Amino acid sequence: RQLKNEGVSVVFVSHKLDELYAVCDRVTIMRDGRTITT
């Protein structure tokens, strides 16, 4: 959150869904080498 406030962007790769909702603004989902949705 500090980094975000300073204007730094973060790509957060995680399999823990609760963490995504705690700290992320947007999500991109991939499957079989393709971008499914953002």
Full PDB file with SEQRES, HELIX, SHEET, SSBOND, CRYST1, ORIGX, SCALE, CONECT and MASTER records, all heavy atoms in Angstrom:
SEQRES   1 A   38  ARG GLN LEU LYS ASN GLU GLY VAL SER VAL VAL PHE VAL          
SEQRES   2 A   38  SER HIS LYS LEU ASP GLU LEU TYR ALA VAL CYS ASP ARG          
SEQRES   3 A   38  VAL THR ILE MET ARG ASP GLY ARG THR ILE THR THR              
HELIX    1 AA1 GLN A    2  ASN A    5  1                                   4    
HELIX    2 AA2 LEU A   17  VAL A   23  1                                   7    
SHEET    1 AA1 2 ILE A  29  ARG A  31  0                                        
SHEET    2 AA1 2 ARG A  34  THR A  37 -1                                        
CRYST1    1.000    1.000    1.000  90.00  90.00  90.00 P 1           1          
ORIGX1      1.000000  0.000000  0.000000        0.00000                         
ORIGX2      0.000000  1.000000  0.000000        0.00000                         
ORIGX3      0.000000  0.000000  1.000000        0.00000                         
SCALE1      1.000000  0.000000  0.000000        0.00000                         
SCALE2      0.000000  1.000000  0.000000        0.00000                         
SCALE3      0.000000  0.000000  1.000000        0.00000                         
ATOM      1  N   ARG A   1       0.832  -1.205   0.000  1.00  0.00           N  
ATOM      2  CA  ARG A   1       0.000   0.000   0.000  1.00  0.00           C  
ATOM      3  C   ARG A   1       0.871   1.262   0.000  1.00  0.00           C  
ATOM      4  O   ARG A   1       0.516   2.263  -0.631  1.00  0.00           O  
ATOM      5  CB  ARG A   1      -0.935  -0.014   1.211  1.00  0.00           C  
ATOM      6  CG  ARG A   1      -1.979  -1.140   1.122  1.00  0.00           C  
ATOM      7  CD  ARG A   1      -2.925  -1.158   2.314  1.00  0.00           C  
ATOM      8  NE  ARG A   1      -3.783  -2.329   2.279  1.00  0.00           N  
ATOM      9  CZ  ARG A   1      -3.692  -3.364   3.108  1.00  0.00           C  
ATOM     10  NH1 ARG A   1      -2.781  -3.353   4.067  1.00  0.00           N  
ATOM     11  NH2 ARG A   1      -4.502  -4.396   2.996  1.00  0.00           N  
ATOM     12  N   GLN A   2       1.998   1.213   0.710  1.00  0.00           N  
ATOM     13  CA  GLN A   2       2.946   2.337   0.682  1.00  0.00           C  
ATOM     14  C   GLN A   2       3.443   2.580  -0.742  1.00  0.00           C  
ATOM     15  O   GLN A   2       3.483   3.717  -1.221  1.00  0.00           O  
ATOM     16  CB  GLN A   2       4.161   2.026   1.572  1.00  0.00           C  
ATOM     17  CG  GLN A   2       3.950   2.227   3.054  1.00  0.00           C  
ATOM     18  CD  GLN A   2       5.234   1.900   3.823  1.00  0.00           C  
ATOM     19  OE1 GLN A   2       6.333   2.171   3.355  1.00  0.00           O  
ATOM     20  NE2 GLN A   2       5.075   1.297   4.991  1.00  0.00           N  
ATOM     21  N   LEU A   3       3.829   1.488  -1.405  1.00  0.00           N  
ATOM     22  CA  LEU A   3       4.333   1.597  -2.780  1.00  0.00           C  
ATOM     23  C   LEU A   3       3.270   2.219  -3.683  1.00  0.00           C  
ATOM     24  O   LEU A   3       3.556   3.094  -4.505  1.00  0.00           O  
ATOM     25  CB  LEU A   3       4.727   0.219  -3.314  1.00  0.00           C  
ATOM     26  CG  LEU A   3       5.950  -0.444  -2.672  1.00  0.00           C  
ATOM     27  CD1 LEU A   3       6.107  -1.885  -3.173  1.00  0.00           C  
ATOM     28  CD2 LEU A   3       7.220   0.345  -2.971  1.00  0.00           C  
ATOM     29  N   LYS A   4       2.036   1.761  -3.504  1.00  0.00           N  
ATOM     30  CA  LYS A   4       0.938   2.292  -4.310  1.00  0.00           C  
ATOM     31  C   LYS A   4       0.768   3.796  -4.076  1.00  0.00           C  
ATOM     32  O   LYS A   4       0.613   4.564  -5.032  1.00  0.00           O  
ATOM     33  CB  LYS A   4      -0.357   1.540  -3.960  1.00  0.00           C  
ATOM     34  CG  LYS A   4      -1.577   2.043  -4.694  1.00  0.00           C  
ATOM     35  CD  LYS A   4      -2.822   1.292  -4.264  1.00  0.00           C  
ATOM     36  CE  LYS A   4      -4.059   1.918  -4.871  1.00  0.00           C  
ATOM     37  NZ  LYS A   4      -5.302   1.231  -4.463  1.00  0.00           N  
ATOM     38  N   ASN A   5       0.834   4.221  -2.818  1.00  0.00           N  
ATOM     39  CA  ASN A   5       0.702   5.648  -2.497  1.00  0.00           C  
ATOM     40  C   ASN A   5       1.833   6.482  -3.089  1.00  0.00           C  
ATOM     41  O   ASN A   5       1.669   7.677  -3.349  1.00  0.00           O  
ATOM     42  CB  ASN A   5       0.652   5.839  -0.974  1.00  0.00           C  
ATOM     43  CG  ASN A   5      -0.633   5.294  -0.367  1.00  0.00           C  
ATOM     44  OD1 ASN A   5      -1.641   5.172  -1.056  1.00  0.00           O  
ATOM     45  ND2 ASN A   5      -0.595   4.955   0.912  1.00  0.00           N  
ATOM     46  N   GLU A   6       2.987   5.855  -3.282  1.00  0.00           N  
ATOM     47  CA  GLU A   6       4.138   6.548  -3.866  1.00  0.00           C  
ATOM     48  C   GLU A   6       4.130   6.502  -5.393  1.00  0.00           C  
ATOM     49  O   GLU A   6       5.061   6.963  -6.041  1.00  0.00           O  
ATOM     50  CB  GLU A   6       5.435   5.922  -3.333  1.00  0.00           C  
ATOM     51  CG  GLU A   6       5.645   6.150  -1.841  1.00  0.00           C  
ATOM     52  CD  GLU A   6       6.741   5.271  -1.262  1.00  0.00           C  
ATOM     53  OE1 GLU A   6       7.459   4.612  -2.052  1.00  0.00           O  
ATOM     54  OE2 GLU A   6       6.884   5.229  -0.025  1.00  0.00           O  
ATOM     55  N   GLY A   7       3.073   5.908  -5.967  1.00  0.00           N  
ATOM     56  CA  GLY A   7       2.945   5.847  -7.421  1.00  0.00           C  
ATOM     57  C   GLY A   7       3.587   4.646  -8.066  1.00  0.00           C  
ATOM     58  O   GLY A   7       3.610   4.519  -9.290  1.00  0.00           O  
ATOM     59  N   VAL A   8       4.116   3.699  -7.242  1.00  0.00           N  
ATOM     60  CA  VAL A   8       4.714   2.477  -7.782  1.00  0.00           C  
ATOM     61  C   VAL A   8       3.610   1.454  -8.027  1.00  0.00           C  
ATOM     62  O   VAL A   8       2.713   1.278  -7.195  1.00  0.00           O  
ATOM     63  CB  VAL A   8       5.759   1.896  -6.799  1.00  0.00           C  
ATOM     64  CG1 VAL A   8       6.345   0.597  -7.337  1.00  0.00           C  
ATOM     65  CG2 VAL A   8       6.864   2.910  -6.545  1.00  0.00           C  
ATOM     66  N   SER A   9       3.672   0.788  -9.170  1.00  0.00           N  
ATOM     67  CA  SER A   9       2.688  -0.245  -9.496  1.00  0.00           C  
ATOM     68  C   SER A   9       3.201  -1.615  -9.065  1.00  0.00           C  
ATOM     69  O   SER A   9       4.412  -1.859  -9.048  1.00  0.00           O  
ATOM     70  CB  SER A   9       2.397  -0.256 -10.991  1.00  0.00           C  
ATOM     71  OG  SER A   9       1.875   0.991 -11.403  1.00  0.00           O  
ATOM     72  N   VAL A  10       2.280  -2.517  -8.721  1.00  0.00           N  
ATOM     73  CA  VAL A  10       2.648  -3.863  -8.277  1.00  0.00           C  
ATOM     74  C   VAL A  10       1.826  -4.888  -9.041  1.00  0.00           C  
ATOM     75  O   VAL A  10       0.602  -4.759  -9.151  1.00  0.00           O  
ATOM     76  CB  VAL A  10       2.399  -4.038  -6.758  1.00  0.00           C  
ATOM     77  CG1 VAL A  10       2.694  -5.474  -6.325  1.00  0.00           C  
ATOM     78  CG2 VAL A  10       3.250  -3.060  -5.946  1.00  0.00           C  
ATOM     79  N   VAL A  11       2.511  -5.885  -9.603  1.00  0.00           N  
ATOM     80  CA  VAL A  11       1.837  -7.061 -10.171  1.00  0.00           C  
ATOM     81  C   VAL A  11       1.926  -8.148  -9.115  1.00  0.00           C  
ATOM     82  O   VAL A  11       3.025  -8.544  -8.698  1.00  0.00           O  
ATOM     83  CB  VAL A  11       2.492  -7.519 -11.483  1.00  0.00           C  
ATOM     84  CG1 VAL A  11       1.861  -8.838 -11.955  1.00  0.00           C  
ATOM     85  CG2 VAL A  11       2.350  -6.452 -12.550  1.00  0.00           C  
ATOM     86  N   PHE A  12       0.786  -8.615  -8.656  1.00  0.00           N  
ATOM     87  CA  PHE A  12       0.715  -9.545  -7.526  1.00  0.00           C  
ATOM     88  C   PHE A  12       0.232 -10.901  -8.028  1.00  0.00           C  
ATOM     89  O   PHE A  12      -0.927 -11.059  -8.404  1.00  0.00           O  
ATOM     90  CB  PHE A  12      -0.237  -8.971  -6.476  1.00  0.00           C  
ATOM     91  CG  PHE A  12      -0.221  -9.672  -5.156  1.00  0.00           C  
ATOM     92  CD1 PHE A  12       0.763  -9.396  -4.213  1.00  0.00           C  
ATOM     93  CD2 PHE A  12      -1.189 -10.604  -4.829  1.00  0.00           C  
ATOM     94  CE1 PHE A  12       0.770 -10.031  -2.977  1.00  0.00           C  
ATOM     95  CE2 PHE A  12      -1.192 -11.248  -3.608  1.00  0.00           C  
ATOM     96  CZ  PHE A  12      -0.212 -10.962  -2.673  1.00  0.00           C  
ATOM     97  N   VAL A  13       1.143 -11.876  -8.060  1.00  0.00           N  
ATOM     98  CA  VAL A  13       0.799 -13.231  -8.499  1.00  0.00           C  
ATOM     99  C   VAL A  13       0.575 -14.083  -7.256  1.00  0.00           C  
ATOM    100  O   VAL A  13       1.479 -14.243  -6.432  1.00  0.00           O  
ATOM    101  CB  VAL A  13       1.925 -13.847  -9.360  1.00  0.00           C  
ATOM    102  CG1 VAL A  13       1.525 -15.244  -9.842  1.00  0.00           C  
ATOM    103  CG2 VAL A  13       2.246 -12.948 -10.543  1.00  0.00           C  
ATOM    104  N   SER A  14      -0.631 -14.617  -7.091  1.00  0.00           N  
ATOM    105  CA  SER A  14      -0.931 -15.423  -5.905  1.00  0.00           C  
ATOM    106  C   SER A  14      -2.078 -16.374  -6.209  1.00  0.00           C  
ATOM    107  O   SER A  14      -2.931 -16.099  -7.055  1.00  0.00           O  
ATOM    108  CB  SER A  14      -1.309 -14.518  -4.729  1.00  0.00           C  
ATOM    109  OG  SER A  14      -1.648 -15.290  -3.596  1.00  0.00           O  
ATOM    110  N   HIS A  15      -2.069 -17.515  -5.517  1.00  0.00           N  
ATOM    111  CA  HIS A  15      -3.191 -18.444  -5.657  1.00  0.00           C  
ATOM    112  C   HIS A  15      -4.166 -18.315  -4.488  1.00  0.00           C  
ATOM    113  O   HIS A  15      -5.164 -19.020  -4.422  1.00  0.00           O  
ATOM    114  CB  HIS A  15      -2.674 -19.890  -5.727  1.00  0.00           C  
ATOM    115  CG  HIS A  15      -1.874 -20.282  -4.523  1.00  0.00           C  
ATOM    116  ND1 HIS A  15      -0.495 -20.273  -4.514  1.00  0.00           N  
ATOM    117  CD2 HIS A  15      -2.242 -20.676  -3.286  1.00  0.00           C  
ATOM    118  CE1 HIS A  15      -0.060 -20.658  -3.325  1.00  0.00           C  
ATOM    119  NE2 HIS A  15      -1.100 -20.902  -2.569  1.00  0.00           N  
ATOM    120  N   LYS A  16      -3.867 -17.398  -3.546  1.00  0.00           N  
ATOM    121  CA  LYS A  16      -4.710 -17.229  -2.367  1.00  0.00           C  
ATOM    122  C   LYS A  16      -5.742 -16.126  -2.636  1.00  0.00           C  
ATOM    123  O   LYS A  16      -5.422 -14.946  -2.646  1.00  0.00           O  
ATOM    124  CB  LYS A  16      -3.852 -16.895  -1.151  1.00  0.00           C  
ATOM    125  CG  LYS A  16      -2.852 -18.006  -0.815  1.00  0.00           C  
ATOM    126  CD  LYS A  16      -1.984 -17.631   0.368  1.00  0.00           C  
ATOM    127  CE  LYS A  16      -0.998 -18.749   0.694  1.00  0.00           C  
ATOM    128  NZ  LYS A  16      -0.107 -18.401   1.827  1.00  0.00           N  
ATOM    129  N   LEU A  17      -6.976 -16.531  -2.837  1.00  0.00           N  
ATOM    130  CA  LEU A  17      -8.021 -15.596  -3.259  1.00  0.00           C  
ATOM    131  C   LEU A  17      -8.256 -14.488  -2.236  1.00  0.00           C  
ATOM    132  O   LEU A  17      -8.479 -13.333  -2.609  1.00  0.00           O  
ATOM    133  CB  LEU A  17      -9.327 -16.348  -3.519  1.00  0.00           C  
ATOM    134  CG  LEU A  17      -9.278 -17.462  -4.571  1.00  0.00           C  
ATOM    135  CD1 LEU A  17     -10.687 -17.967  -4.855  1.00  0.00           C  
ATOM    136  CD2 LEU A  17      -8.627 -16.992  -5.860  1.00  0.00           C  
ATOM    137  N   ASP A  18      -8.215 -14.824  -0.947  1.00  0.00           N  
ATOM    138  CA  ASP A  18      -8.459 -13.801   0.079  1.00  0.00           C  
ATOM    139  C   ASP A  18      -7.436 -12.675  -0.010  1.00  0.00           C  
ATOM    140  O   ASP A  18      -7.758 -11.504   0.233  1.00  0.00           O  
ATOM    141  CB  ASP A  18      -8.419 -14.430   1.478  1.00  0.00           C  
ATOM    142  CG  ASP A  18      -9.592 -15.377   1.717  1.00  0.00           C  
ATOM    143  OD1 ASP A  18     -10.610 -15.222   1.021  1.00  0.00           O  
ATOM    144  OD2 ASP A  18      -9.485 -16.262   2.583  1.00  0.00           O  
ATOM    145  N   GLU A  19      -6.182 -13.028  -0.350  1.00  0.00           N  
ATOM    146  CA  GLU A  19      -5.139 -12.016  -0.462  1.00  0.00           C  
ATOM    147  C   GLU A  19      -5.422 -11.058  -1.610  1.00  0.00           C  
ATOM    148  O   GLU A  19      -5.168  -9.861  -1.515  1.00  0.00           O  
ATOM    149  CB  GLU A  19      -3.781 -12.686  -0.671  1.00  0.00           C  
ATOM    150  CG  GLU A  19      -3.295 -13.467   0.529  1.00  0.00           C  
ATOM    151  CD  GLU A  19      -1.920 -14.067   0.318  1.00  0.00           C  
ATOM    152  OE1 GLU A  19      -1.384 -13.988  -0.798  1.00  0.00           O  
ATOM    153  OE2 GLU A  19      -1.386 -14.632   1.283  1.00  0.00           O  
ATOM    154  N   LEU A  20      -5.959 -11.583  -2.698  1.00  0.00           N  
ATOM    155  CA  LEU A  20      -6.264 -10.737  -3.859  1.00  0.00           C  
ATOM    156  C   LEU A  20      -7.260  -9.651  -3.474  1.00  0.00           C  
ATOM    157  O   LEU A  20      -7.088  -8.476  -3.817  1.00  0.00           O  
ATOM    158  CB  LEU A  20      -6.831 -11.571  -5.003  1.00  0.00           C  
ATOM    159  CG  LEU A  20      -6.029 -12.806  -5.462  1.00  0.00           C  
ATOM    160  CD1 LEU A  20      -6.683 -13.427  -6.683  1.00  0.00           C  
ATOM    161  CD2 LEU A  20      -4.586 -12.454  -5.762  1.00  0.00           C  
ATOM    162  N   TYR A  21      -8.302 -10.057  -2.760  1.00  0.00           N  
ATOM    163  CA  TYR A  21      -9.338  -9.093  -2.376  1.00  0.00           C  
ATOM    164  C   TYR A  21      -8.832  -8.122  -1.310  1.00  0.00           C  
ATOM    165  O   TYR A  21      -9.355  -7.016  -1.180  1.00  0.00           O  
ATOM    166  CB  TYR A  21     -10.590  -9.828  -1.880  1.00  0.00           C  
ATOM    167  CG  TYR A  21     -11.382 -10.447  -3.011  1.00  0.00           C  
ATOM    168  CD1 TYR A  21     -11.158 -11.767  -3.395  1.00  0.00           C  
ATOM    169  CD2 TYR A  21     -12.331  -9.709  -3.712  1.00  0.00           C  
ATOM    170  CE1 TYR A  21     -11.856 -12.345  -4.444  1.00  0.00           C  
ATOM    171  CE2 TYR A  21     -13.043 -10.270  -4.762  1.00  0.00           C  
ATOM    172  CZ  TYR A  21     -12.800 -11.580  -5.128  1.00  0.00           C  
ATOM    173  OH  TYR A  21     -13.489 -12.145  -6.184  1.00  0.00           O  
ATOM    174  N   ALA A  22      -7.813  -8.516  -0.555  1.00  0.00           N  
ATOM    175  CA  ALA A  22      -7.302  -7.654   0.510  1.00  0.00           C  
ATOM    176  C   ALA A  22      -6.443  -6.521  -0.023  1.00  0.00           C  
ATOM    177  O   ALA A  22      -6.413  -5.439   0.560  1.00  0.00           O  
ATOM    178  CB  ALA A  22      -6.495  -8.492   1.508  1.00  0.00           C  
ATOM    179  N   VAL A  23      -5.737  -6.764  -1.142  1.00  0.00           N  
ATOM    180  CA  VAL A  23      -4.707  -5.791  -1.521  1.00  0.00           C  
ATOM    181  C   VAL A  23      -4.755  -5.341  -2.986  1.00  0.00           C  
ATOM    182  O   VAL A  23      -4.120  -4.349  -3.337  1.00  0.00           O  
ATOM    183  CB  VAL A  23      -3.316  -6.384  -1.186  1.00  0.00           C  
ATOM    184  CG1 VAL A  23      -2.880  -7.402  -2.221  1.00  0.00           C  
ATOM    185  CG2 VAL A  23      -2.274  -5.301  -1.000  1.00  0.00           C  
ATOM    186  N   CYS A  24      -5.509  -6.024  -3.840  1.00  0.00           N  
ATOM    187  CA  CYS A  24      -5.456  -5.736  -5.288  1.00  0.00           C  
ATOM    188  C   CYS A  24      -6.613  -4.845  -5.754  1.00  0.00           C  
ATOM    189  O   CYS A  24      -7.727  -4.911  -5.215  1.00  0.00           O  
ATOM    190  CB  CYS A  24      -5.448  -7.034  -6.094  1.00  0.00           C  
ATOM    191  SG  CYS A  24      -4.006  -8.051  -5.758  1.00  0.00           S  
ATOM    192  N   ASP A  25      -6.331  -4.059  -6.785  1.00  0.00           N  
ATOM    193  CA  ASP A  25      -7.348  -3.194  -7.384  1.00  0.00           C  
ATOM    194  C   ASP A  25      -8.063  -3.890  -8.543  1.00  0.00           C  
ATOM    195  O   ASP A  25      -9.276  -3.805  -8.682  1.00  0.00           O  
ATOM    196  CB  ASP A  25      -6.699  -1.902  -7.911  1.00  0.00           C  
ATOM    197  CG  ASP A  25      -5.993  -1.137  -6.818  1.00  0.00           C  
ATOM    198  OD1 ASP A  25      -6.635  -0.839  -5.798  1.00  0.00           O  
ATOM    199  OD2 ASP A  25      -4.786  -0.848  -6.969  1.00  0.00           O  
ATOM    200  N   ARG A  26      -7.256  -4.553  -9.380  1.00  0.00           N  
ATOM    201  CA  ARG A  26      -7.821  -5.268 -10.539  1.00  0.00           C  
ATOM    202  C   ARG A  26      -7.196  -6.654 -10.618  1.00  0.00           C  
ATOM    203  O   ARG A  26      -6.182  -6.944  -9.993  1.00  0.00           O  
ATOM    204  CB  ARG A  26      -7.557  -4.513 -11.845  1.00  0.00           C  
ATOM    205  CG  ARG A  26      -8.400  -3.265 -12.034  1.00  0.00           C  
ATOM    206  CD  ARG A  26      -8.336  -2.786 -13.498  1.00  0.00           C  
ATOM    207  NE  ARG A  26      -6.975  -2.498 -13.945  1.00  0.00           N  
ATOM    208  CZ  ARG A  26      -6.601  -2.516 -15.217  1.00  0.00           C  
ATOM    209  NH1 ARG A  26      -7.464  -2.836 -16.169  1.00  0.00           N  
ATOM    210  NH2 ARG A  26      -5.352  -2.206 -15.545  1.00  0.00           N  
ATOM    211  N   VAL A  27      -7.827  -7.520 -11.437  1.00  0.00           N  
ATOM    212  CA  VAL A  27      -7.320  -8.879 -11.617  1.00  0.00           C  
ATOM    213  C   VAL A  27      -7.380  -9.254 -13.097  1.00  0.00           C  
ATOM    214  O   VAL A  27      -8.337  -8.902 -13.800  1.00  0.00           O  
ATOM    215  CB  VAL A  27      -8.132  -9.890 -10.772  1.00  0.00           C  
ATOM    216  CG1 VAL A  27      -9.618  -9.888 -11.158  1.00  0.00           C  
ATOM    217  CG2 VAL A  27      -7.563 -11.302 -10.918  1.00  0.00           C  
ATOM    218  N   THR A  28      -6.344  -9.934 -13.559  1.00  0.00           N  
ATOM    219  CA  THR A  28      -6.337 -10.524 -14.894  1.00  0.00           C  
ATOM    220  C   THR A  28      -6.233 -12.037 -14.731  1.00  0.00           C  
ATOM    221  O   THR A  28      -5.354 -12.530 -14.013  1.00  0.00           O  
ATOM    222  CB  THR A  28      -5.160 -10.006 -15.736  1.00  0.00           C  
ATOM    223  OG1 THR A  28      -5.390  -8.627 -16.049  1.00  0.00           O  
ATOM    224  CG2 THR A  28      -5.018 -10.782 -17.037  1.00  0.00           C  
ATOM    225  N   ILE A  29      -7.148 -12.756 -15.368  1.00  0.00           N  
ATOM    226  CA  ILE A  29      -7.190 -14.218 -15.270  1.00  0.00           C  
ATOM    227  C   ILE A  29      -6.696 -14.817 -16.586  1.00  0.00           C  
ATOM    228  O   ILE A  29      -7.158 -14.435 -17.670  1.00  0.00           O  
ATOM    229  CB  ILE A  29      -8.624 -14.712 -14.981  1.00  0.00           C  
ATOM    230  CG1 ILE A  29      -9.152 -14.078 -13.691  1.00  0.00           C  
ATOM    231  CG2 ILE A  29      -8.656 -16.240 -14.878  1.00  0.00           C  
ATOM    232  CD1 ILE A  29     -10.633 -14.262 -13.473  1.00  0.00           C  
ATOM    233  N   MET A  30      -5.750 -15.760 -16.478  1.00  0.00           N  
ATOM    234  CA  MET A  30      -5.221 -16.439 -17.669  1.00  0.00           C  
ATOM    235  C   MET A  30      -5.573 -17.925 -17.615  1.00  0.00           C  
ATOM    236  O   MET A  30      -5.708 -18.512 -16.545  1.00  0.00           O  
ATOM    237  CB  MET A  30      -3.700 -16.270 -17.751  1.00  0.00           C  
ATOM    238  CG  MET A  30      -3.250 -14.835 -17.941  1.00  0.00           C  
ATOM    239  SD  MET A  30      -1.485 -14.718 -18.316  1.00  0.00           S  
ATOM    240  CE  MET A  30      -1.454 -15.404 -20.001  1.00  0.00           C  
ATOM    241  N   ARG A  31      -5.736 -18.496 -18.816  1.00  0.00           N  
ATOM    242  CA  ARG A  31      -5.991 -19.931 -18.936  1.00  0.00           C  
ATOM    243  C   ARG A  31      -5.492 -20.413 -20.289  1.00  0.00           C  
ATOM    244  O   ARG A  31      -5.770 -19.788 -21.315  1.00  0.00           O  
ATOM    245  CB  ARG A  31      -7.497 -20.235 -18.790  1.00  0.00           C  
ATOM    246  CG  ARG A  31      -7.809 -21.722 -18.717  1.00  0.00           C  
ATOM    247  CD  ARG A  31      -9.283 -21.991 -18.477  1.00  0.00           C  
ATOM    248  NE  ARG A  31     -10.119 -21.670 -19.625  1.00  0.00           N  
ATOM    249  CZ  ARG A  31     -11.033 -20.732 -19.657  1.00  0.00           C  
ATOM    250  NH1 ARG A  31     -11.245 -19.981 -18.582  1.00  0.00           N  
ATOM    251  NH2 ARG A  31     -11.749 -20.509 -20.734  1.00  0.00           N  
ATOM    252  N   ASP A  32      -4.712 -21.481 -20.276  1.00  0.00           N  
ATOM    253  CA  ASP A  32      -4.190 -22.075 -21.514  1.00  0.00           C  
ATOM    254  C   ASP A  32      -3.458 -21.067 -22.386  1.00  0.00           C  
ATOM    255  O   ASP A  32      -3.599 -21.063 -23.613  1.00  0.00           O  
ATOM    256  CB  ASP A  32      -5.321 -22.733 -22.318  1.00  0.00           C  
ATOM    257  CG  ASP A  32      -6.001 -23.855 -21.541  1.00  0.00           C  
ATOM    258  OD1 ASP A  32      -5.323 -24.498 -20.725  1.00  0.00           O  
ATOM    259  OD2 ASP A  32      -7.204 -24.077 -21.754  1.00  0.00           O  
ATOM    260  N   GLY A  33      -2.684 -20.179 -21.752  1.00  0.00           N  
ATOM    261  CA  GLY A  33      -1.871 -19.231 -22.502  1.00  0.00           C  
ATOM    262  C   GLY A  33      -2.617 -18.014 -23.018  1.00  0.00           C  
ATOM    263  O   GLY A  33      -2.042 -17.187 -23.723  1.00  0.00           O  
ATOM    264  N   ARG A  34      -3.886 -17.889 -22.674  1.00  0.00           N  
ATOM    265  CA  ARG A  34      -4.704 -16.769 -23.152  1.00  0.00           C  
ATOM    266  C   ARG A  34      -5.200 -15.920 -21.981  1.00  0.00           C  
ATOM    267  O   ARG A  34      -5.375 -16.419 -20.872  1.00  0.00           O  
ATOM    268  CB  ARG A  34      -5.913 -17.280 -23.941  1.00  0.00           C  
ATOM    269  CG  ARG A  34      -5.538 -18.077 -25.183  1.00  0.00           C  
ATOM    270  CD  ARG A  34      -6.786 -18.591 -25.894  1.00  0.00           C  
ATOM    271  NE  ARG A  34      -6.432 -19.386 -27.066  1.00  0.00           N  
ATOM    272  CZ  ARG A  34      -6.182 -18.878 -28.265  1.00  0.00           C  
ATOM    273  NH1 ARG A  34      -6.282 -17.570 -28.445  1.00  0.00           N  
ATOM    274  NH2 ARG A  34      -5.866 -19.663 -29.276  1.00  0.00           N  
ATOM    275  N   THR A  35      -5.448 -14.657 -22.248  1.00  0.00           N  
ATOM    276  CA  THR A  35      -6.060 -13.774 -21.259  1.00  0.00           C  
ATOM    277  C   THR A  35      -7.568 -13.960 -21.339  1.00  0.00           C  
ATOM    278  O   THR A  35      -8.175 -13.715 -22.385  1.00  0.00           O  
ATOM    279  CB  THR A  35      -5.693 -12.309 -21.530  1.00  0.00           C  
ATOM    280  OG1 THR A  35      -4.270 -12.179 -21.498  1.00  0.00           O  
ATOM    281  CG2 THR A  35      -6.303 -11.394 -20.481  1.00  0.00           C  
ATOM    282  N   ILE A  36      -8.168 -14.421 -20.252  1.00  0.00           N  
ATOM    283  CA  ILE A  36      -9.600 -14.737 -20.247  1.00  0.00           C  
ATOM    284  C   ILE A  36     -10.432 -13.503 -19.903  1.00  0.00           C  
ATOM    285  O   ILE A  36     -11.411 -13.191 -20.565  1.00  0.00           O  
ATOM    286  CB  ILE A  36      -9.898 -15.879 -19.259  1.00  0.00           C  
ATOM    287  CG1 ILE A  36      -9.100 -17.129 -19.645  1.00  0.00           C  
ATOM    288  CG2 ILE A  36     -11.387 -16.187 -19.223  1.00  0.00           C  
ATOM    289  CD1 ILE A  36      -9.331 -17.616 -21.059  1.00  0.00           C  
ATOM    290  N   THR A  37     -10.015 -12.806 -18.857  1.00  0.00           N  
ATOM    291  CA  THR A  37     -10.771 -11.616 -18.459  1.00  0.00           C  
ATOM    292  C   THR A  37      -9.925 -10.715 -17.567  1.00  0.00           C  
ATOM    293  O   THR A  37      -9.000 -11.176 -16.903  1.00  0.00           O  
ATOM    294  CB  THR A  37     -12.074 -12.002 -17.704  1.00  0.00           C  
ATOM    295  OG1 THR A  37     -12.871 -10.854 -17.494  1.00  0.00           O  
ATOM    296  CG2 THR A  37     -11.757 -12.629 -16.355  1.00  0.00           C  
ATOM    297  N   THR A  38     -10.237  -9.437 -17.591  1.00  0.00           N  
ATOM    298  CA  THR A  38      -9.654  -8.461 -16.659  1.00  0.00           C  
ATOM    299  C   THR A  38     -10.813  -7.696 -16.036  1.00  0.00           C  
ATOM    300  O   THR A  38     -11.716  -7.246 -16.753  1.00  0.00           O  
ATOM    301  CB  THR A  38      -8.704  -7.491 -17.380  1.00  0.00           C  
ATOM    302  OG1 THR A  38      -7.582  -8.225 -17.901  1.00  0.00           O  
ATOM    303  CG2 THR A  38      -8.185  -6.424 -16.425  1.00  0.00           C  
TER     304      THR A  38                                                      
MASTER        0    0    0    2    2    0    0    6  303    1    0    3          
END                                                                             
